[in-house]
Protein backbone atom coordinates (compact mmCIF):
# COMPACT_ATOMS: atom_id res chain seq x y z
CA MET A 1 -32.79 80.77 63.48
CA LYS A 2 -29.60 81.03 65.45
CA ALA A 3 -29.54 77.24 65.29
CA ALA A 4 -28.76 77.11 61.55
CA PRO A 5 -24.93 77.14 61.78
CA ILE A 6 -24.99 74.72 64.71
CA MET A 7 -27.29 72.34 62.84
CA ARG A 8 -25.07 72.47 59.75
CA GLU A 9 -22.01 71.60 61.83
CA MET A 10 -23.80 68.80 63.69
CA ALA A 11 -24.99 67.35 60.36
CA LYS A 12 -21.34 66.57 59.57
CA TYR A 13 -21.45 63.96 62.35
CA PRO A 14 -24.63 61.93 61.76
CA HIS A 15 -23.39 59.02 63.87
CA GLU A 16 -22.80 61.30 66.85
CA PHE A 17 -25.88 63.53 66.81
CA GLU A 18 -29.54 63.16 66.01
CA GLN A 19 -31.11 66.55 65.49
CA LEU A 20 -34.62 67.50 66.48
CA LEU A 21 -35.76 70.87 65.15
CA VAL A 22 -38.57 72.58 67.06
CA HIS A 23 -40.34 75.59 65.52
CA THR A 24 -42.15 77.74 68.08
CA GLY A 25 -44.49 79.28 65.51
CA GLN A 26 -44.22 82.63 67.27
CA HIS A 27 -44.23 84.58 64.01
CA TYR A 28 -47.80 85.24 63.01
CA ASP A 29 -46.70 85.55 59.36
CA ASP A 30 -46.26 82.06 57.95
CA ASN A 31 -44.44 83.45 54.89
CA MET A 32 -41.79 85.03 57.12
CA SER A 33 -41.08 81.66 58.73
CA LYS A 34 -40.88 79.95 55.33
CA VAL A 35 -38.39 82.57 54.11
CA PHE A 36 -36.16 81.99 57.16
CA PHE A 37 -36.18 78.24 56.66
CA LYS A 38 -35.50 78.54 52.92
CA ASP A 39 -32.80 81.22 53.16
CA LEU A 40 -30.99 79.43 55.98
CA GLU A 41 -31.39 76.04 54.26
CA LEU A 42 -33.02 74.52 57.32
CA PRO A 43 -35.03 71.31 57.09
CA GLN A 44 -38.71 71.21 57.93
CA PRO A 45 -39.17 71.25 61.72
CA ASP A 46 -39.77 67.96 63.49
CA ILE A 47 -42.12 69.63 65.95
CA TYR A 48 -44.28 72.72 65.39
CA LEU A 49 -45.57 74.37 68.57
CA GLY A 50 -47.90 76.97 66.98
CA VAL A 51 -47.37 79.53 69.77
CA GLY A 52 -48.55 82.54 67.74
CA SER A 53 -48.15 86.19 68.61
CA GLY A 54 -48.47 87.95 71.95
CA SER A 55 -46.35 89.71 74.53
CA HIS A 56 -42.97 88.22 75.40
CA GLY A 57 -44.42 86.83 78.61
CA GLN A 58 -47.41 85.28 76.85
CA GLN A 59 -45.25 83.70 74.16
CA THR A 60 -42.77 82.34 76.69
CA ALA A 61 -45.57 80.84 78.78
CA ARG A 62 -47.15 79.19 75.72
CA VAL A 63 -43.78 77.79 74.57
CA MET A 64 -43.25 76.25 78.01
CA LEU A 65 -46.75 74.77 78.17
CA VAL A 66 -46.80 73.39 74.63
CA PHE A 67 -43.16 72.26 74.53
CA GLU A 68 -43.19 70.24 77.76
CA PRO A 69 -44.86 67.12 76.29
CA ALA A 70 -43.33 67.49 72.80
CA PRO A 71 -39.95 65.79 73.37
CA ARG A 72 -41.69 62.81 74.95
CA SER A 73 -43.18 61.98 71.58
CA ALA A 74 -39.71 62.06 70.05
CA ARG A 75 -37.92 60.38 72.95
CA SER A 76 -37.83 57.00 71.22
CA ARG A 77 -35.75 58.62 68.49
CA VAL A 78 -33.20 60.12 70.89
CA ARG A 79 -30.07 58.07 71.21
CA LYS A 80 -29.11 56.94 74.72
CA TRP A 81 -25.44 57.14 75.68
């Protein structure tokens, strides 16, 4: 959720940046996530990892495992410089 102000600023420059929002899904309460997205006026995530709850170590490990292939599916959308 710390990304909200950065995403708003980047949105001012659509020809310079293409945003890709990834939601880890680490909150086991779906309503809590929806409230964050609504209150912070964030768009729907492009990628949802569905990590779920667990210890910090477990969540971090799941994020790393699930996230690794995710950007590959979006790579064709990422602008090359």
